[in-house]
Amino acid sequence: MPDPSVPAEILFQGVELSRGALVVLRGIDLAVQSGETLVLVGRSGSGKSTVLKLVNRMLLPGKGRVIVRGTATDQWDAIQLRRQIGYVVQEVGLFPHMTVQRNVDLVPRLLAWESERSVGRAADVLRLVGLDPAVHAQRYPHELSGGQRQRVGVARALAADPPLLLMDEPFGALDPITRSEIQHEFRTIQRQLGKTIVLVTHDMAEAFLLATRIAVIDDGRLIAVDTPRNIAGHTHPAVRALLQPLVEVSAAIGKAEGGSGKGEVGRVKWEG
């Protein structure tokens, strides 16, 4: 659990946001501590991705404050703030006319790193995500599989060594086997680097696998924030609705194994 004596890397204080008459977020209070992976879950349209956009100042709150690394986002220069943050999205967004290396070392070059340093860093982060730079660095995005492109997207987000990483459905478009492989590699990377990560997903199994804590958002409200183990036993209807697919999968596996077929989320194991 987060140490309340340690200043939060990201802090939401009474944050509300509306688009016209539509209220998107309602009174969000949330602290993300250094080195933790906070996974945001909820139905489509619940406000998860809006939380990420508030962190990197793509949006400003209508009420309340979002504080990143000790400074409210409306006091940050937007460019300087975003240089503190790596961003990974489902569609990756690689530049098709650039090689993998040029896509990955784009931000270091914008930061005026020396060429040798930026090229070396690109090679390092490609290895980190499981891609051999000797094989992949000079390829173009269209020459890669979907899983490889997603790995390049993660490498690009890590290239300038930002302290914060925002991830919006980063593995959602991948087939189940590739997704599982990248999820487990991502856990290894997080153990090595200790980044502060906020990740959005619809997949509760992914949340249980990757999260230090899980935050459940429903209709713009923060319903629960807790460890995966405690979320598994949460009684709020919105939380139980998200857990139901895991219950059903657990029941189906139990039945196939000759059990009673009564699923329990607590039987679903995650790596702590």
Protein backbone atom coordinates (compact mmCIF):
# COMPACT_ATOMS: atom_id res chain seq x y z
CA MET A 1 0.00 0.00 0.00
CA PRO A 2 1.17 3.60 -0.58
CA ASP A 3 3.03 5.31 2.25
CA PRO A 4 0.98 8.43 3.18
CA SER A 5 4.13 10.10 4.54
CA VAL A 6 5.68 10.14 1.05
CA PRO A 7 4.55 12.97 -1.28
CA ALA A 8 2.44 11.67 -4.16
CA GLU A 9 3.80 11.82 -7.69
CA ILE A 10 0.26 12.53 -8.95
CA LEU A 11 -2.50 13.99 -6.78
CA PHE A 12 -6.14 14.69 -7.64
CA GLN A 13 -7.92 16.99 -5.19
CA GLY A 14 -11.68 17.33 -5.62
CA VAL A 15 -11.40 17.18 -9.39
CA GLU A 16 -14.52 17.73 -11.47
CA LEU A 17 -14.79 18.07 -15.23
CA SER A 18 -17.75 18.72 -17.51
CA ARG A 19 -18.24 18.94 -21.25
CA GLY A 20 -21.21 21.22 -21.65
CA ALA A 21 -24.07 19.71 -19.66
CA LEU A 22 -22.29 16.33 -19.43
CA VAL A 23 -20.45 15.74 -16.15
CA VAL A 24 -17.42 13.55 -16.92
CA LEU A 25 -15.68 13.42 -13.53
CA ARG A 26 -17.23 14.07 -10.13
CA GLY A 27 -15.16 14.93 -7.07
CA ILE A 28 -12.12 12.74 -7.76
CA ASP A 29 -9.61 12.48 -4.90
CA LEU A 30 -6.70 10.21 -5.76
CA ALA A 31 -3.00 9.91 -4.95
CA VAL A 32 -0.49 7.94 -7.02
CA GLN A 33 2.77 7.22 -5.23
CA SER A 34 6.23 6.97 -6.75
CA GLY A 35 6.96 3.57 -8.27
CA GLU A 36 3.45 2.15 -8.13
CA THR A 37 1.32 0.90 -10.99
CA LEU A 38 -2.21 2.23 -10.59
CA VAL A 39 -4.66 0.59 -12.98
CA LEU A 40 -7.90 2.43 -13.79
CA VAL A 41 -10.85 0.22 -14.67
CA GLY A 42 -14.49 0.90 -15.48
CA ARG A 43 -17.08 0.73 -18.22
CA SER A 44 -16.63 2.59 -21.50
CA GLY A 45 -17.35 6.28 -20.96
CA SER A 46 -16.78 6.14 -17.20
CA GLY A 47 -13.99 8.74 -17.31
CA LYS A 48 -10.82 6.61 -17.22
CA SER A 49 -9.04 8.14 -20.22
CA THR A 50 -10.06 11.61 -19.05
CA VAL A 51 -8.00 11.03 -15.91
CA LEU A 52 -4.90 10.44 -18.07
CA LYS A 53 -5.56 13.58 -20.11
CA LEU A 54 -5.75 15.62 -16.92
CA VAL A 55 -2.38 14.29 -15.79
CA ASN A 56 -0.56 15.38 -18.96
CA ARG A 57 -2.47 18.69 -19.22
CA MET A 58 -4.37 17.83 -22.38
CA LEU A 59 -7.33 18.86 -20.20
CA LEU A 60 -7.60 21.15 -17.17
CA PRO A 61 -10.11 20.47 -14.38
CA GLY A 62 -13.24 22.58 -14.09
CA LYS A 63 -12.97 22.33 -10.30
CA GLY A 64 -10.24 21.09 -8.01
CA ARG A 65 -6.56 20.57 -8.78
CA VAL A 66 -4.35 17.98 -10.44
CA ILE A 67 -0.83 18.11 -9.01
CA VAL A 68 2.03 16.37 -10.83
CA ARG A 69 5.42 16.11 -9.14
CA GLY A 70 4.52 18.85 -6.69
CA THR A 71 3.11 21.41 -9.14
CA ALA A 72 -0.49 21.93 -10.25
CA THR A 73 -0.92 21.20 -13.95
CA ASP A 74 -2.22 24.70 -14.68
CA GLN A 75 1.14 26.00 -13.39
CA TRP A 76 3.21 23.67 -15.53
CA ASP A 77 4.43 24.61 -18.99
CA ALA A 78 2.65 21.96 -21.05
CA ILE A 79 5.77 20.96 -23.01
CA GLN A 80 7.94 20.71 -19.90
CA LEU A 81 5.28 18.64 -18.15
CA ARG A 82 4.96 16.20 -21.05
CA ARG A 83 8.72 15.72 -21.08
CA GLN A 84 8.24 14.14 -17.64
CA ILE A 85 5.75 11.65 -19.04
CA GLY A 86 5.88 8.69 -21.39
CA TYR A 87 2.58 7.98 -23.15
CA VAL A 88 1.46 4.67 -24.67
CA VAL A 89 -1.86 4.20 -26.47
CA GLN A 90 -3.60 1.22 -28.05
CA GLU A 91 -3.02 2.35 -31.63
CA VAL A 92 0.69 2.99 -30.92
CA GLY A 93 0.90 5.98 -33.33
CA LEU A 94 4.29 5.18 -34.86
CA PHE A 95 5.38 7.41 -37.73
CA PRO A 96 5.17 5.17 -40.84
CA HIS A 97 7.93 7.01 -42.74
CA MET A 98 10.45 6.59 -39.91
CA THR A 99 12.46 3.52 -39.02
CA VAL A 100 11.96 1.86 -35.65
CA GLN A 101 15.12 3.51 -34.36
CA ARG A 102 13.97 6.97 -35.46
CA ASN A 103 10.55 6.41 -33.90
CA VAL A 104 12.11 5.35 -30.61
CA ASP A 105 14.76 8.05 -30.33
CA LEU A 106 12.41 10.84 -31.46
CA VAL A 107 12.02 12.43 -28.01
CA PRO A 108 15.73 12.21 -27.10
CA ARG A 109 16.51 13.97 -30.39
CA LEU A 110 13.90 16.65 -29.62
CA LEU A 111 15.65 17.06 -26.27
CA ALA A 112 18.91 17.64 -28.17
CA TRP A 113 20.66 14.52 -26.99
CA GLU A 114 23.90 13.78 -28.84
CA SER A 115 23.39 11.37 -31.72
CA GLU A 116 25.48 8.57 -30.22
CA ARG A 117 23.61 8.81 -26.93
CA SER A 118 20.15 8.78 -28.52
CA VAL A 119 21.00 5.85 -30.82
CA GLY A 120 22.45 3.91 -27.88
CA ARG A 121 19.39 4.61 -25.77
CA ALA A 122 17.10 3.42 -28.58
CA ALA A 123 19.03 0.16 -28.74
CA ASP A 124 18.85 -0.26 -24.96
CA VAL A 125 15.08 0.19 -24.71
CA LEU A 126 14.44 -2.02 -27.73
CA ARG A 127 16.31 -4.81 -25.95
CA LEU A 128 14.33 -4.04 -22.81
CA VAL A 129 11.02 -4.71 -24.61
CA GLY A 130 12.33 -7.88 -26.25
CA LEU A 131 13.35 -6.60 -29.70
CA ASP A 132 16.85 -7.11 -31.07
CA PRO A 133 18.04 -3.73 -32.41
CA ALA A 134 20.29 -5.48 -34.91
CA VAL A 135 17.18 -7.06 -36.42
CA HIS A 136 14.49 -4.43 -35.90
CA ALA A 137 16.06 -0.96 -35.60
CA GLN A 138 16.16 -0.24 -39.34
CA ARG A 139 12.76 -1.72 -40.16
CA TYR A 140 9.67 0.37 -40.77
CA PRO A 141 6.42 -0.02 -38.81
CA HIS A 142 4.63 -1.77 -41.70
CA GLU A 143 7.29 -4.50 -41.57
CA LEU A 144 6.41 -5.38 -37.97
CA SER A 145 3.67 -7.47 -36.41
CA GLY A 146 1.07 -5.83 -34.20
CA GLY A 147 2.83 -7.10 -31.08
CA GLN A 148 6.18 -5.79 -32.29
CA ARG A 149 4.68 -2.35 -33.03
CA GLN A 150 3.22 -2.26 -29.53
CA ARG A 151 6.64 -3.11 -28.08
CA VAL A 152 8.14 -0.25 -30.11
CA GLY A 153 5.47 2.06 -28.68
CA VAL A 154 6.49 1.11 -25.14
CA ALA A 155 10.17 1.53 -26.04
CA ARG A 156 9.48 5.02 -27.43
CA ALA A 157 7.66 6.01 -24.23
CA LEU A 158 10.67 4.89 -22.17
CA ALA A 159 13.36 6.34 -24.42
CA ALA A 160 13.91 9.65 -22.61
CA ASP A 161 13.67 7.88 -19.21
CA PRO A 162 10.59 9.79 -17.97
CA PRO A 163 9.61 9.30 -14.32
CA LEU A 164 5.91 8.90 -15.20
CA LEU A 165 4.23 6.58 -17.68
CA LEU A 166 0.60 6.88 -18.83
CA MET A 167 -0.87 3.92 -20.72
CA ASP A 168 -4.32 3.95 -22.34
CA GLU A 169 -5.48 0.43 -23.28
CA PRO A 170 -1.90 -0.28 -24.41
CA PHE A 171 -2.38 -4.00 -25.17
CA GLY A 172 -6.06 -4.07 -26.09
CA ALA A 173 -5.66 -4.61 -29.83
CA LEU A 174 -3.39 -7.65 -29.51
CA ASP A 175 -4.33 -11.29 -29.80
CA PRO A 176 -4.60 -13.06 -26.42
CA ILE A 177 -1.27 -14.93 -26.60
CA THR A 178 0.76 -11.89 -27.68
CA ARG A 179 -1.05 -9.77 -25.11
CA SER A 180 -0.17 -12.19 -22.34
CA GLU A 181 3.49 -12.28 -23.41
CA ILE A 182 3.77 -8.49 -23.45
CA GLN A 183 1.95 -8.14 -20.12
CA HIS A 184 4.45 -10.44 -18.43
CA GLU A 185 7.39 -8.66 -20.08
CA PHE A 186 5.93 -5.36 -18.96
CA ARG A 187 5.83 -6.59 -15.34
CA THR A 188 9.51 -7.48 -15.62
CA ILE A 189 10.31 -4.04 -17.03
CA GLN A 190 8.42 -2.35 -14.21
CA ARG A 191 10.34 -4.34 -11.60
CA GLN A 192 13.61 -3.25 -13.25
CA LEU A 193 12.76 0.43 -13.76
CA GLY A 194 10.33 1.28 -10.94
CA LYS A 195 8.42 3.86 -12.97
CA THR A 196 5.24 5.50 -11.68
CA ILE A 197 2.53 4.17 -13.99
CA VAL A 198 -1.15 4.93 -14.51
CA LEU A 199 -2.71 2.39 -16.87
CA VAL A 200 -6.27 2.28 -18.26
CA THR A 201 -7.85 -1.04 -19.19
CA HIS A 202 -11.25 -2.69 -19.61
CA ASP A 203 -9.71 -6.06 -18.78
CA MET A 204 -9.95 -6.99 -15.09
CA ALA A 205 -7.57 -9.93 -15.57
CA GLU A 206 -4.98 -7.47 -16.90
CA ALA A 207 -5.64 -5.18 -13.94
CA PHE A 208 -5.05 -8.02 -11.48
CA LEU A 209 -1.84 -9.01 -13.26
CA LEU A 210 -0.26 -5.56 -13.55
CA ALA A 211 -1.58 -3.39 -10.73
CA THR A 212 -0.09 -2.38 -7.43
CA ARG A 213 -3.55 -0.88 -6.80
CA ILE A 214 -6.75 -0.84 -8.81
CA ALA A 215 -8.99 2.24 -9.04
CA VAL A 216 -12.58 1.64 -10.15
CA ILE A 217 -14.40 4.53 -11.84
CA ASP A 218 -18.13 4.44 -12.47
CA ASP A 219 -20.09 7.29 -14.05
CA GLY A 220 -17.29 9.74 -13.32
CA ARG A 221 -17.00 8.78 -9.65
CA LEU A 222 -14.14 6.98 -7.95
CA ILE A 223 -15.85 3.96 -6.41
CA ALA A 224 -12.90 2.06 -4.95
CA VAL A 225 -9.09 2.23 -4.77
CA ASP A 226 -7.34 -0.76 -3.26
CA THR A 227 -5.00 -3.68 -3.79
CA PRO A 228 -6.05 -6.38 -6.24
CA ARG A 229 -6.70 -8.77 -3.37
CA ASN A 230 -9.07 -6.34 -1.64
CA ILE A 231 -10.78 -5.34 -4.89
CA ALA A 232 -11.51 -9.03 -5.48
CA GLY A 233 -13.70 -9.05 -2.37
CA HIS A 234 -15.29 -5.62 -2.85
CA THR A 235 -19.09 -5.55 -2.55
CA HIS A 236 -20.01 -2.42 -4.51
CA PRO A 237 -22.32 -3.39 -7.44
CA ALA A 238 -20.17 -1.55 -9.99
CA VAL A 239 -17.08 -3.46 -8.83
CA ARG A 240 -18.91 -6.79 -8.80
CA ALA A 241 -20.13 -6.16 -12.36
CA LEU A 242 -16.55 -5.73 -13.54
CA LEU A 243 -15.47 -8.86 -11.69
CA GLN A 244 -18.29 -11.02 -13.06
CA PRO A 245 -16.39 -12.12 -16.22
CA LEU A 246 -13.58 -13.42 -14.00
CA VAL A 247 -16.11 -15.29 -11.87
CA GLU A 248 -17.58 -16.88 -14.98
CA VAL A 249 -14.16 -17.87 -16.36
CA SER A 250 -13.15 -19.31 -13.00
CA ALA A 251 -16.41 -21.28 -12.86
CA ALA A 252 -15.91 -22.62 -16.38
CA ILE A 253 -12.35 -23.72 -15.61
CA GLY A 254 -13.47 -25.35 -12.37
CA LYS A 255 -16.21 -27.23 -14.19
CA ALA A 256 -13.83 -28.36 -16.92
CA GLU A 257 -11.48 -29.65 -14.24
CA GLY A 258 -14.27 -31.66 -12.69
CA GLY A 259 -15.14 -29.23 -9.91
CA SER A 260 -18.45 -27.77 -8.85
CA GLY A 261 -18.38 -24.99 -11.41
CA LYS A 262 -18.90 -22.35 -8.71
CA GLY A 263 -16.58 -19.53 -9.65
CA GLU A 264 -14.82 -17.36 -7.14
CA VAL A 265 -12.68 -14.34 -8.00
CA GLY A 266 -10.48 -15.28 -5.08
CA ARG A 267 -9.48 -18.44 -6.96
CA VAL A 268 -8.05 -16.36 -9.81
CA LYS A 269 -4.37 -16.04 -9.08
CA TRP A 270 -2.27 -12.99 -9.80
CA GLU A 271 1.45 -12.58 -9.28
CA GLY A 272 2.07 -10.32 -6.31
